[in-house]
Amino acid sequence: MKTFGIFLILIGIAMIIVRGISVPTQKKLVDIGPVEINKTENKWIGWPTYSGAVIAVVGVVLVVSGRKRS
């Protein structure tokens, strides 16, 4: 559980620093026989900053509780 707690802390800190990612998607506009027109758009996938903080706190709780049992 201590290793998983450290992993959660690192992921939580990364989520606080990086607030989302941009993913390119292709959209087909026209498809007439051999003629095809596509458009590439960037979609933003974001998350609230407090979710990273909550994940980091859960990781700290797991690390601290793992030390008390040892």
C-alpha atoms as a PDB file:
ATOM      1  CA  MET A   1       0.000   0.000   0.000  1.00  0.00           C
ATOM      2  CA  LYS A   2       2.936   2.332   0.633  1.00  0.00           C
ATOM      3  CA  THR A   3       4.086   2.031  -3.001  1.00  0.00           C
ATOM      4  CA  PHE A   4       0.557   2.706  -4.242  1.00  0.00           C
ATOM      5  CA  GLY A   5       0.370   5.739  -1.942  1.00  0.00           C
ATOM      6  CA  ILE A   6       3.595   7.172  -3.387  1.00  0.00           C
ATOM      7  CA  PHE A   7       2.226   6.566  -6.890  1.00  0.00           C
ATOM      8  CA  LEU A   8      -0.980   8.451  -5.992  1.00  0.00           C
ATOM      9  CA  ILE A   9       1.039  11.360  -4.595  1.00  0.00           C
ATOM     10  CA  LEU A  10       3.025  11.651  -7.831  1.00  0.00           C
ATOM     11  CA  ILE A  11      -0.098  11.431 -10.003  1.00  0.00           C
ATOM     12  CA  GLY A  12      -1.859  14.028  -7.832  1.00  0.00           C
ATOM     13  CA  ILE A  13       1.042  16.484  -8.128  1.00  0.00           C
ATOM     14  CA  ALA A  14       1.144  15.936 -11.906  1.00  0.00           C
ATOM     15  CA  MET A  15      -2.608  16.618 -12.121  1.00  0.00           C
ATOM     16  CA  ILE A  16      -2.167  19.884 -10.225  1.00  0.00           C
ATOM     17  CA  ILE A  17       0.658  21.043 -12.502  1.00  0.00           C
ATOM     18  CA  VAL A  18      -0.845  19.820 -15.808  1.00  0.00           C
ATOM     19  CA  ARG A  19      -4.507  20.816 -15.854  1.00  0.00           C
ATOM     20  CA  GLY A  20      -5.474  18.797 -18.929  1.00  0.00           C
ATOM     21  CA  ILE A  21      -4.354  17.385 -22.241  1.00  0.00           C
ATOM     22  CA  SER A  22      -5.163  18.160 -25.862  1.00  0.00           C
ATOM     23  CA  VAL A  23      -6.019  15.211 -28.099  1.00  0.00           C
ATOM     24  CA  PRO A  24      -6.122  15.580 -31.911  1.00  0.00           C
ATOM     25  CA  THR A  25      -9.173  14.055 -33.602  1.00  0.00           C
ATOM     26  CA  GLN A  26     -10.035  13.798 -37.284  1.00  0.00           C
ATOM     27  CA  LYS A  27     -13.459  14.738 -38.555  1.00  0.00           C
ATOM     28  CA  LYS A  28     -14.679  13.757 -42.032  1.00  0.00           C
ATOM     29  CA  LEU A  29     -16.314  16.757 -43.744  1.00  0.00           C
ATOM     30  CA  VAL A  30     -16.924  15.526 -47.309  1.00  0.00           C
ATOM     31  CA  ASP A  31     -16.831  12.030 -48.806  1.00  0.00           C
ATOM     32  CA  ILE A  32     -17.833  12.037 -52.486  1.00  0.00           C
ATOM     33  CA  GLY A  33     -16.456   8.947 -54.194  1.00  0.00           C
ATOM     34  CA  PRO A  34     -12.674   9.254 -54.452  1.00  0.00           C
ATOM     35  CA  VAL A  35     -12.711  12.807 -53.033  1.00  0.00           C
ATOM     36  CA  GLU A  36     -12.425  12.984 -49.265  1.00  0.00           C
ATOM     37  CA  ILE A  37     -11.947  16.089 -47.104  1.00  0.00           C
ATOM     38  CA  ASN A  38     -10.909  15.702 -43.469  1.00  0.00           C
ATOM     39  CA  LYS A  39     -10.412  18.249 -40.721  1.00  0.00           C
ATOM     40  CA  THR A  40      -8.172  17.808 -37.696  1.00  0.00           C
ATOM     41  CA  GLU A  41      -9.471  19.314 -34.460  1.00  0.00           C
ATOM     42  CA  ASN A  42      -7.909  19.439 -31.016  1.00  0.00           C
ATOM     43  CA  LYS A  43     -10.203  18.396 -28.166  1.00  0.00           C
ATOM     44  CA  TRP A  44      -9.339  19.495 -24.651  1.00  0.00           C
ATOM     45  CA  ILE A  45      -9.694  16.943 -21.864  1.00  0.00           C
ATOM     46  CA  GLY A  46      -9.397  18.762 -18.565  1.00  0.00           C
ATOM     47  CA  TRP A  47      -9.922  18.062 -14.897  1.00  0.00           C
ATOM     48  CA  PRO A  48     -10.386  20.333 -11.896  1.00  0.00           C
ATOM     49  CA  THR A  49      -7.293  21.217  -9.883  1.00  0.00           C
ATOM     50  CA  TYR A  50      -8.839  20.040  -6.616  1.00  0.00           C
ATOM     51  CA  SER A  51      -9.104  16.472  -7.950  1.00  0.00           C
ATOM     52  CA  GLY A  52      -5.296  16.281  -8.090  1.00  0.00           C
ATOM     53  CA  ALA A  53      -5.119  17.596  -4.541  1.00  0.00           C
ATOM     54  CA  VAL A  54      -7.621  14.983  -3.335  1.00  0.00           C
ATOM     55  CA  ILE A  55      -5.648  12.174  -4.995  1.00  0.00           C
ATOM     56  CA  ALA A  56      -2.395  13.442  -3.444  1.00  0.00           C
ATOM     57  CA  VAL A  57      -3.996  13.595   0.021  1.00  0.00           C
ATOM     58  CA  VAL A  58      -5.287  10.028  -0.333  1.00  0.00           C
ATOM     59  CA  GLY A  59      -1.750   8.977  -1.252  1.00  0.00           C
ATOM     60  CA  VAL A  60      -0.337  10.699   1.843  1.00  0.00           C
ATOM     61  CA  VAL A  61      -2.916   8.936   4.014  1.00  0.00           C
ATOM     62  CA  LEU A  62      -1.921   5.561   2.529  1.00  0.00           C
ATOM     63  CA  VAL A  63       1.792   6.221   3.098  1.00  0.00           C
ATOM     64  CA  VAL A  64       1.265   7.394   6.689  1.00  0.00           C
ATOM     65  CA  SER A  65      -1.041   4.483   7.544  1.00  0.00           C
ATOM     66  CA  GLY A  66       1.482   2.062   5.995  1.00  0.00           C
ATOM     67  CA  ARG A  67       4.238   3.370   8.289  1.00  0.00           C
ATOM     68  CA  LYS A  68       2.123   2.992  11.442  1.00  0.00           C
ATOM     69  CA  ARG A  69       1.475  -0.702  10.735  1.00  0.00           C
ATOM     70  CA  SER A  70       5.157  -1.528  10.158  1.00  0.00           C
END
